[in-house]
Amino acid sequence: RNVLAASMQNLGGGELEPVRLNVICSQYLADDSI
């Protein structure tokens, strides 16, 4: 939560609102992609 809130604050993106929030934590290793 602190990482998300601080990132948004530093980028000027407003306050973190948890309602309808979708968080994705991704780890990419060999051969992983989007």
PDB file of all heavy atoms in Angstrom:
ATOM      1  N   ARG A   1       0.838  -1.203   0.000  1.00  0.00           N
ATOM      2  CA  ARG A   1       0.000   0.000   0.000  1.00  0.00           C
ATOM      3  C   ARG A   1       0.876   1.258   0.000  1.00  0.00           C
ATOM      4  O   ARG A   1       0.598   2.206  -0.733  1.00  0.00           O
ATOM      5  CB  ARG A   1      -0.939   0.006   1.202  1.00  0.00           C
ATOM      6  CG  ARG A   1      -1.870   1.208   1.244  1.00  0.00           C
ATOM      7  CD  ARG A   1      -2.800   1.151   2.459  1.00  0.00           C
ATOM      8  NE  ARG A   1      -3.688   2.265   2.530  1.00  0.00           N
ATOM      9  CZ  ARG A   1      -4.744   2.487   1.763  1.00  0.00           C
ATOM     10  NH1 ARG A   1      -5.041   1.639   0.795  1.00  0.00           N
ATOM     11  NH2 ARG A   1      -5.501   3.553   1.932  1.00  0.00           N
ATOM     12  N   ASN A   2       1.938   1.263   0.802  1.00  0.00           N
ATOM     13  CA  ASN A   2       2.832   2.423   0.859  1.00  0.00           C
ATOM     14  C   ASN A   2       3.526   2.669  -0.480  1.00  0.00           C
ATOM     15  O   ASN A   2       3.692   3.819  -0.898  1.00  0.00           O
ATOM     16  CB  ASN A   2       3.865   2.256   1.965  1.00  0.00           C
ATOM     17  CG  ASN A   2       3.257   2.356   3.354  1.00  0.00           C
ATOM     18  OD1 ASN A   2       2.139   2.843   3.525  1.00  0.00           O
ATOM     19  ND2 ASN A   2       3.986   1.867   4.342  1.00  0.00           N
ATOM     20  N   VAL A   3       3.957   1.590  -1.154  1.00  0.00           N
ATOM     21  CA  VAL A   3       4.594   1.738  -2.472  1.00  0.00           C
ATOM     22  C   VAL A   3       3.606   2.342  -3.465  1.00  0.00           C
ATOM     23  O   VAL A   3       3.941   3.286  -4.196  1.00  0.00           O
ATOM     24  CB  VAL A   3       5.132   0.386  -2.987  1.00  0.00           C
ATOM     25  CG1 VAL A   3       5.501   0.458  -4.469  1.00  0.00           C
ATOM     26  CG2 VAL A   3       6.327  -0.057  -2.167  1.00  0.00           C
ATOM     27  N   LEU A   4       2.385   1.827  -3.498  1.00  0.00           N
ATOM     28  CA  LEU A   4       1.387   2.332  -4.429  1.00  0.00           C
ATOM     29  C   LEU A   4       1.076   3.803  -4.142  1.00  0.00           C
ATOM     30  O   LEU A   4       1.083   4.636  -5.056  1.00  0.00           O
ATOM     31  CB  LEU A   4       0.110   1.498  -4.355  1.00  0.00           C
ATOM     32  CG  LEU A   4       0.040   0.230  -5.200  1.00  0.00           C
ATOM     33  CD1 LEU A   4       1.175  -0.729  -4.956  1.00  0.00           C
ATOM     34  CD2 LEU A   4      -1.295  -0.471  -5.004  1.00  0.00           C
ATOM     35  N   ALA A   5       0.825   4.123  -2.883  1.00  0.00           N
ATOM     36  CA  ALA A   5       0.463   5.499  -2.514  1.00  0.00           C
ATOM     37  C   ALA A   5       1.609   6.472  -2.783  1.00  0.00           C
ATOM     38  O   ALA A   5       1.392   7.559  -3.335  1.00  0.00           O
ATOM     39  CB  ALA A   5       0.047   5.549  -1.045  1.00  0.00           C
ATOM     40  N   ALA A   6       2.836   6.107  -2.419  1.00  0.00           N
ATOM     41  CA  ALA A   6       3.990   6.991  -2.629  1.00  0.00           C
ATOM     42  C   ALA A   6       4.257   7.192  -4.123  1.00  0.00           C
ATOM     43  O   ALA A   6       4.578   8.303  -4.554  1.00  0.00           O
ATOM     44  CB  ALA A   6       5.226   6.428  -1.931  1.00  0.00           C
ATOM     45  N   SER A   7       4.118   6.134  -4.911  1.00  0.00           N
ATOM     46  CA  SER A   7       4.325   6.245  -6.355  1.00  0.00           C
ATOM     47  C   SER A   7       3.339   7.229  -6.958  1.00  0.00           C
ATOM     48  O   SER A   7       3.723   8.119  -7.721  1.00  0.00           O
ATOM     49  CB  SER A   7       4.165   4.885  -7.029  1.00  0.00           C
ATOM     50  OG  SER A   7       5.123   3.974  -6.558  1.00  0.00           O
ATOM     51  N   MET A   8       2.067   7.077  -6.610  1.00  0.00           N
ATOM     52  CA  MET A   8       1.046   7.974  -7.152  1.00  0.00           C
ATOM     53  C   MET A   8       1.284   9.412  -6.711  1.00  0.00           C
ATOM     54  O   MET A   8       1.168  10.343  -7.509  1.00  0.00           O
ATOM     55  CB  MET A   8      -0.339   7.509  -6.716  1.00  0.00           C
ATOM     56  CG  MET A   8      -0.776   6.229  -7.395  1.00  0.00           C
ATOM     57  SD  MET A   8      -2.391   5.683  -6.840  1.00  0.00           S
ATOM     58  CE  MET A   8      -3.425   7.036  -7.395  1.00  0.00           C
ATOM     59  N   GLN A   9       1.646   9.597  -5.455  1.00  0.00           N
ATOM     60  CA  GLN A   9       1.894  10.938  -4.940  1.00  0.00           C
ATOM     61  C   GLN A   9       3.069  11.595  -5.672  1.00  0.00           C
ATOM     62  O   GLN A   9       2.996  12.746  -6.096  1.00  0.00           O
ATOM     63  CB  GLN A   9       2.166  10.890  -3.442  1.00  0.00           C
ATOM     64  CG  GLN A   9       2.399  12.266  -2.837  1.00  0.00           C
ATOM     65  CD  GLN A   9       2.661  12.192  -1.341  1.00  0.00           C
ATOM     66  OE1 GLN A   9       2.991  11.145  -0.799  1.00  0.00           O
ATOM     67  NE2 GLN A   9       2.518  13.331  -0.686  1.00  0.00           N
ATOM     68  N   ASN A  10       4.148  10.852  -5.845  1.00  0.00           N
ATOM     69  CA  ASN A  10       5.332  11.399  -6.519  1.00  0.00           C
ATOM     70  C   ASN A  10       5.087  11.702  -7.996  1.00  0.00           C
ATOM     71  O   ASN A  10       5.734  12.591  -8.558  1.00  0.00           O
ATOM     72  CB  ASN A  10       6.527  10.466  -6.352  1.00  0.00           C
ATOM     73  CG  ASN A  10       7.067  10.487  -4.938  1.00  0.00           C
ATOM     74  OD1 ASN A  10       7.044  11.513  -4.273  1.00  0.00           O
ATOM     75  ND2 ASN A  10       7.553   9.348  -4.480  1.00  0.00           N
ATOM     76  N   LEU A  11       4.173  10.961  -8.620  1.00  0.00           N
ATOM     77  CA  LEU A  11       3.852  11.204 -10.026  1.00  0.00           C
ATOM     78  C   LEU A  11       2.763  12.261 -10.202  1.00  0.00           C
ATOM     79  O   LEU A  11       2.446  12.638 -11.327  1.00  0.00           O
ATOM     80  CB  LEU A  11       3.410   9.899 -10.701  1.00  0.00           C
ATOM     81  CG  LEU A  11       4.499   8.839 -10.881  1.00  0.00           C
ATOM     82  CD1 LEU A  11       3.889   7.508 -11.305  1.00  0.00           C
ATOM     83  CD2 LEU A  11       5.536   9.308 -11.890  1.00  0.00           C
ATOM     84  N   GLY A  12       2.163  12.701  -9.103  1.00  0.00           N
ATOM     85  CA  GLY A  12       1.076  13.674  -9.181  1.00  0.00           C
ATOM     86  C   GLY A  12      -0.244  13.051  -9.557  1.00  0.00           C
ATOM     87  O   GLY A  12      -1.130  13.715 -10.093  1.00  0.00           O
ATOM     88  N   GLY A  13      -0.392  11.758  -9.255  1.00  0.00           N
ATOM     89  CA  GLY A  13      -1.581  11.015  -9.672  1.00  0.00           C
ATOM     90  C   GLY A  13      -2.706  10.947  -8.669  1.00  0.00           C
ATOM     91  O   GLY A  13      -3.625  10.165  -8.844  1.00  0.00           O
ATOM     92  N   GLY A  14      -2.658  11.728  -7.603  1.00  0.00           N
ATOM     93  CA  GLY A  14      -3.758  11.737  -6.647  1.00  0.00           C
ATOM     94  C   GLY A  14      -3.599  10.717  -5.541  1.00  0.00           C
ATOM     95  O   GLY A  14      -2.530  10.131  -5.347  1.00  0.00           O
ATOM     96  N   GLU A  15      -4.697  10.503  -4.848  1.00  0.00           N
ATOM     97  CA  GLU A  15      -4.722   9.597  -3.702  1.00  0.00           C
ATOM     98  C   GLU A  15      -5.059   8.174  -4.139  1.00  0.00           C
ATOM     99  O   GLU A  15      -5.827   7.969  -5.077  1.00  0.00           O
ATOM    100  CB  GLU A  15      -5.762  10.071  -2.684  1.00  0.00           C
ATOM    101  CG  GLU A  15      -5.476  11.442  -2.100  1.00  0.00           C
ATOM    102  CD  GLU A  15      -4.230  11.446  -1.237  1.00  0.00           C
ATOM    103  OE1 GLU A  15      -4.049  10.492  -0.455  1.00  0.00           O
ATOM    104  OE2 GLU A  15      -3.443  12.401  -1.354  1.00  0.00           O
ATOM    105  N   LEU A  16      -4.534   7.214  -3.432  1.00  0.00           N
ATOM    106  CA  LEU A  16      -4.829   5.804  -3.686  1.00  0.00           C
ATOM    107  C   LEU A  16      -6.212   5.475  -3.148  1.00  0.00           C
ATOM    108  O   LEU A  16      -6.481   5.647  -1.962  1.00  0.00           O
ATOM    109  CB  LEU A  16      -3.776   4.916  -3.009  1.00  0.00           C
ATOM    110  CG  LEU A  16      -3.974   3.413  -3.178  1.00  0.00           C
ATOM    111  CD1 LEU A  16      -3.848   3.015  -4.642  1.00  0.00           C
ATOM    112  CD2 LEU A  16      -2.954   2.652  -2.336  1.00  0.00           C
ATOM    113  N   GLU A  17      -7.092   5.034  -4.011  1.00  0.00           N
ATOM    114  CA  GLU A  17      -8.456   4.658  -3.634  1.00  0.00           C
ATOM    115  C   GLU A  17      -8.593   3.144  -3.819  1.00  0.00           C
ATOM    116  O   GLU A  17      -8.465   2.640  -4.925  1.00  0.00           O
ATOM    117  CB  GLU A  17      -9.461   5.403  -4.520  1.00  0.00           C
ATOM    118  CG  GLU A  17     -10.891   4.997  -4.326  1.00  0.00           C
ATOM    119  CD  GLU A  17     -11.385   5.153  -2.896  1.00  0.00           C
ATOM    120  OE1 GLU A  17     -11.273   6.267  -2.347  1.00  0.00           O
ATOM    121  OE2 GLU A  17     -11.857   4.156  -2.320  1.00  0.00           O
ATOM    122  N   PRO A  18      -8.853   2.395  -2.736  1.00  0.00           N
ATOM    123  CA  PRO A  18      -8.880   0.930  -2.847  1.00  0.00           C
ATOM    124  C   PRO A  18     -10.139   0.347  -3.499  1.00  0.00           C
ATOM    125  O   PRO A  18     -10.149  -0.819  -3.868  1.00  0.00           O
ATOM    126  CB  PRO A  18      -8.750   0.462  -1.397  1.00  0.00           C
ATOM    127  CG  PRO A  18      -9.227   1.603  -0.569  1.00  0.00           C
ATOM    128  CD  PRO A  18      -8.933   2.852  -1.347  1.00  0.00           C
ATOM    129  N   VAL A  19     -11.203   1.140  -3.688  1.00  0.00           N
ATOM    130  CA  VAL A  19     -12.440   0.623  -4.268  1.00  0.00           C
ATOM    131  C   VAL A  19     -12.221   0.276  -5.740  1.00  0.00           C
ATOM    132  O   VAL A  19     -11.735   1.105  -6.512  1.00  0.00           O
ATOM    133  CB  VAL A  19     -13.587   1.648  -4.112  1.00  0.00           C
ATOM    134  CG1 VAL A  19     -14.852   1.155  -4.794  1.00  0.00           C
ATOM    135  CG2 VAL A  19     -13.836   1.941  -2.645  1.00  0.00           C
ATOM    136  N   ARG A  20     -12.522  -0.956  -6.127  1.00  0.00           N
ATOM    137  CA  ARG A  20     -12.383  -1.497  -7.484  1.00  0.00           C
ATOM    138  C   ARG A  20     -10.937  -1.583  -7.948  1.00  0.00           C
ATOM    139  O   ARG A  20     -10.652  -1.713  -9.132  1.00  0.00           O
ATOM    140  CB  ARG A  20     -13.231  -0.713  -8.492  1.00  0.00           C
ATOM    141  CG  ARG A  20     -14.714  -0.730  -8.227  1.00  0.00           C
ATOM    142  CD  ARG A  20     -15.552  -0.094  -9.325  1.00  0.00           C
ATOM    143  NE  ARG A  20     -14.962   1.035  -9.989  1.00  0.00           N
ATOM    144  CZ  ARG A  20     -15.061   2.306  -9.609  1.00  0.00           C
ATOM    145  NH1 ARG A  20     -15.739   2.611  -8.526  1.00  0.00           N
ATOM    146  NH2 ARG A  20     -14.496   3.270 -10.320  1.00  0.00           N
ATOM    147  N   LEU A  21      -9.993  -1.514  -7.021  1.00  0.00           N
ATOM    148  CA  LEU A  21      -8.567  -1.549  -7.339  1.00  0.00           C
ATOM    149  C   LEU A  21      -8.151  -2.932  -7.835  1.00  0.00           C
ATOM    150  O   LEU A  21      -8.539  -3.949  -7.267  1.00  0.00           O
ATOM    151  CB  LEU A  21      -7.752  -1.178  -6.097  1.00  0.00           C
ATOM    152  CG  LEU A  21      -6.226  -1.156  -6.246  1.00  0.00           C
ATOM    153  CD1 LEU A  21      -5.799  -0.058  -7.216  1.00  0.00           C
ATOM    154  CD2 LEU A  21      -5.586  -0.941  -4.879  1.00  0.00           C
ATOM    155  N   ASN A  22      -7.358  -2.962  -8.893  1.00  0.00           N
ATOM    156  CA  ASN A  22      -6.799  -4.181  -9.450  1.00  0.00           C
ATOM    157  C   ASN A  22      -5.288  -4.059  -9.391  1.00  0.00           C
ATOM    158  O   ASN A  22      -4.722  -3.160 -10.021  1.00  0.00           O
ATOM    159  CB  ASN A  22      -7.275  -4.366 -10.900  1.00  0.00           C
ATOM    160  CG  ASN A  22      -6.555  -5.477 -11.618  1.00  0.00           C
ATOM    161  OD1 ASN A  22      -5.688  -5.227 -12.439  1.00  0.00           O
ATOM    162  ND2 ASN A  22      -6.903  -6.707 -11.328  1.00  0.00           N
ATOM    163  N   VAL A  23      -4.629  -4.911  -8.619  1.00  0.00           N
ATOM    164  CA  VAL A  23      -3.175  -4.876  -8.459  1.00  0.00           C
ATOM    165  C   VAL A  23      -2.603  -6.157  -9.047  1.00  0.00           C
ATOM    166  O   VAL A  23      -3.092  -7.251  -8.769  1.00  0.00           O
ATOM    167  CB  VAL A  23      -2.771  -4.766  -6.971  1.00  0.00           C
ATOM    168  CG1 VAL A  23      -1.259  -4.776  -6.818  1.00  0.00           C
ATOM    169  CG2 VAL A  23      -3.374  -3.522  -6.338  1.00  0.00           C
ATOM    170  N   ILE A  24      -1.563  -6.012  -9.865  1.00  0.00           N
ATOM    171  CA  ILE A  24      -0.900  -7.170 -10.465  1.00  0.00           C
ATOM    172  C   ILE A  24       0.579  -7.109 -10.112  1.00  0.00           C
ATOM    173  O   ILE A  24       1.257  -6.131 -10.428  1.00  0.00           O
ATOM    174  CB  ILE A  24      -1.068  -7.189 -11.997  1.00  0.00           C
ATOM    175  CG1 ILE A  24      -2.546  -7.238 -12.374  1.00  0.00           C
ATOM    176  CG2 ILE A  24      -0.302  -8.371 -12.601  1.00  0.00           C
ATOM    177  CD1 ILE A  24      -2.805  -7.080 -13.858  1.00  0.00           C
ATOM    178  N   CYS A  25       1.053  -8.143  -9.450  1.00  0.00           N
ATOM    179  CA  CYS A  25       2.485  -8.291  -9.158  1.00  0.00           C
ATOM    180  C   CYS A  25       3.024  -9.323 -10.133  1.00  0.00           C
ATOM    181  O   CYS A  25       2.510 -10.436 -10.192  1.00  0.00           O
ATOM    182  CB  CYS A  25       2.698  -8.743  -7.713  1.00  0.00           C
ATOM    183  SG  CYS A  25       2.067  -7.565  -6.502  1.00  0.00           S
ATOM    184  N   SER A  26       4.021  -8.935 -10.916  1.00  0.00           N
ATOM    185  CA  SER A  26       4.521  -9.795 -11.993  1.00  0.00           C
ATOM    186  C   SER A  26       6.016 -10.011 -11.872  1.00  0.00           C
ATOM    187  O   SER A  26       6.769  -9.065 -11.663  1.00  0.00           O
ATOM    188  CB  SER A  26       4.242  -9.158 -13.351  1.00  0.00           C
ATOM    189  OG  SER A  26       2.872  -8.906 -13.525  1.00  0.00           O
ATOM    190  N   GLN A  27       6.413 -11.268 -12.047  1.00  0.00           N
ATOM    191  CA  GLN A  27       7.825 -11.616 -12.103  1.00  0.00           C
ATOM    192  C   GLN A  27       8.082 -12.244 -13.465  1.00  0.00           C
ATOM    193  O   GLN A  27       7.391 -13.175 -13.870  1.00  0.00           O
ATOM    194  CB  GLN A  27       8.205 -12.605 -11.005  1.00  0.00           C
ATOM    195  CG  GLN A  27       9.671 -12.983 -11.046  1.00  0.00           C
ATOM    196  CD  GLN A  27      10.023 -14.035 -10.013  1.00  0.00           C
ATOM    197  OE1 GLN A  27       9.319 -15.021  -9.862  1.00  0.00           O
ATOM    198  NE2 GLN A  27      11.118 -13.801  -9.306  1.00  0.00           N
ATOM    199  N   TYR A  28       9.056 -11.701 -14.182  1.00  0.00           N
ATOM    200  CA  TYR A  28       9.431 -12.194 -15.498  1.00  0.00           C
ATOM    201  C   TYR A  28      10.809 -12.812 -15.403  1.00  0.00           C
ATOM    202  O   TYR A  28      11.763 -12.159 -14.982  1.00  0.00           O
ATOM    203  CB  TYR A  28       9.460 -11.051 -16.521  1.00  0.00           C
ATOM    204  CG  TYR A  28       8.143 -10.323 -16.639  1.00  0.00           C
ATOM    205  CD1 TYR A  28       7.839  -9.281 -15.782  1.00  0.00           C
ATOM    206  CD2 TYR A  28       7.215 -10.699 -17.596  1.00  0.00           C
ATOM    207  CE1 TYR A  28       6.627  -8.612 -15.873  1.00  0.00           C
ATOM    208  CE2 TYR A  28       5.996 -10.042 -17.697  1.00  0.00           C
ATOM    209  CZ  TYR A  28       5.717  -9.003 -16.832  1.00  0.00           C
ATOM    210  OH  TYR A  28       4.518  -8.347 -16.928  1.00  0.00           O
ATOM    211  N   LEU A  29      10.888 -14.074 -15.807  1.00  0.00           N
ATOM    212  CA  LEU A  29      12.154 -14.798 -15.877  1.00  0.00           C
ATOM    213  C   LEU A  29      12.363 -15.203 -17.335  1.00  0.00           C
ATOM    214  O   LEU A  29      11.612 -14.771 -18.206  1.00  0.00           O
ATOM    215  CB  LEU A  29      12.112 -16.010 -14.941  1.00  0.00           C
ATOM    216  CG  LEU A  29      11.863 -15.691 -13.455  1.00  0.00           C
ATOM    217  CD1 LEU A  29      11.642 -16.958 -12.651  1.00  0.00           C
ATOM    218  CD2 LEU A  29      12.993 -14.860 -12.882  1.00  0.00           C
ATOM    219  N   ALA A  30      13.348 -16.018 -17.621  1.00  0.00           N
ATOM    220  CA  ALA A  30      13.660 -16.419 -18.992  1.00  0.00           C
ATOM    221  C   ALA A  30      12.410 -16.874 -19.743  1.00  0.00           C
ATOM    222  O   ALA A  30      11.621 -17.665 -19.222  1.00  0.00           O
ATOM    223  CB  ALA A  30      14.699 -17.530 -18.999  1.00  0.00           C
ATOM    224  N   ASP A  31      12.229 -16.344 -20.930  1.00  0.00           N
ATOM    225  CA  ASP A  31      11.146 -16.638 -21.864  1.00  0.00           C
ATOM    226  C   ASP A  31       9.807 -16.010 -21.492  1.00  0.00           C
ATOM    227  O   ASP A  31       8.836 -16.158 -22.228  1.00  0.00           O
ATOM    228  CB  ASP A  31      10.960 -18.151 -22.080  1.00  0.00           C
ATOM    229  CG  ASP A  31      12.192 -18.794 -22.677  1.00  0.00           C
ATOM    230  OD1 ASP A  31      12.850 -18.159 -23.528  1.00  0.00           O
ATOM    231  OD2 ASP A  31      12.514 -19.934 -22.281  1.00  0.00           O
ATOM    232  N   ASP A  32       9.683 -15.321 -20.353  1.00  0.00           N
ATOM    233  CA  ASP A  32       8.436 -14.648 -19.989  1.00  0.00           C
ATOM    234  C   ASP A  32       8.320 -13.339 -20.755  1.00  0.00           C
ATOM    235  O   ASP A  32       9.320 -12.666 -21.031  1.00  0.00           O
ATOM    236  CB  ASP A  32       8.380 -14.352 -18.484  1.00  0.00           C
ATOM    237  CG  ASP A  32       8.263 -15.611 -17.647  1.00  0.00           C
ATOM    238  OD1 ASP A  32       7.781 -16.643 -18.162  1.00  0.00           O
ATOM    239  OD2 ASP A  32       8.636 -15.553 -16.463  1.00  0.00           O
ATOM    240  N   SER A  33       7.080 -12.957 -21.101  1.00  0.00           N
ATOM    241  CA  SER A  33       6.844 -11.738 -21.864  1.00  0.00           C
ATOM    242  C   SER A  33       5.383 -11.326 -21.716  1.00  0.00           C
ATOM    243  O   SER A  33       4.577 -12.047 -21.142  1.00  0.00           O
ATOM    244  CB  SER A  33       7.156 -11.969 -23.341  1.00  0.00           C
ATOM    245  OG  SER A  33       6.255 -12.918 -23.891  1.00  0.00           O
ATOM    246  N   ILE A  34       5.070 -10.159 -22.264  1.00  0.00           N
ATOM    247  CA  ILE A  34       3.684  -9.718 -22.460  1.00  0.00           C
ATOM    248  C   ILE A  34       3.584  -9.331 -23.927  1.00  0.00           C
ATOM    249  O   ILE A  34       4.322  -8.462 -24.404  1.00  0.00           O
ATOM    250  CB  ILE A  34       3.318  -8.499 -21.591  1.00  0.00           C
ATOM    251  CG1 ILE A  34       3.380  -8.830 -20.113  1.00  0.00           C
ATOM    252  CG2 ILE A  34       1.916  -8.004 -21.952  1.00  0.00           C
ATOM    253  CD1 ILE A  34       3.070  -7.639 -19.223  1.00  0.00           C
TER     254      ILE A  34
END
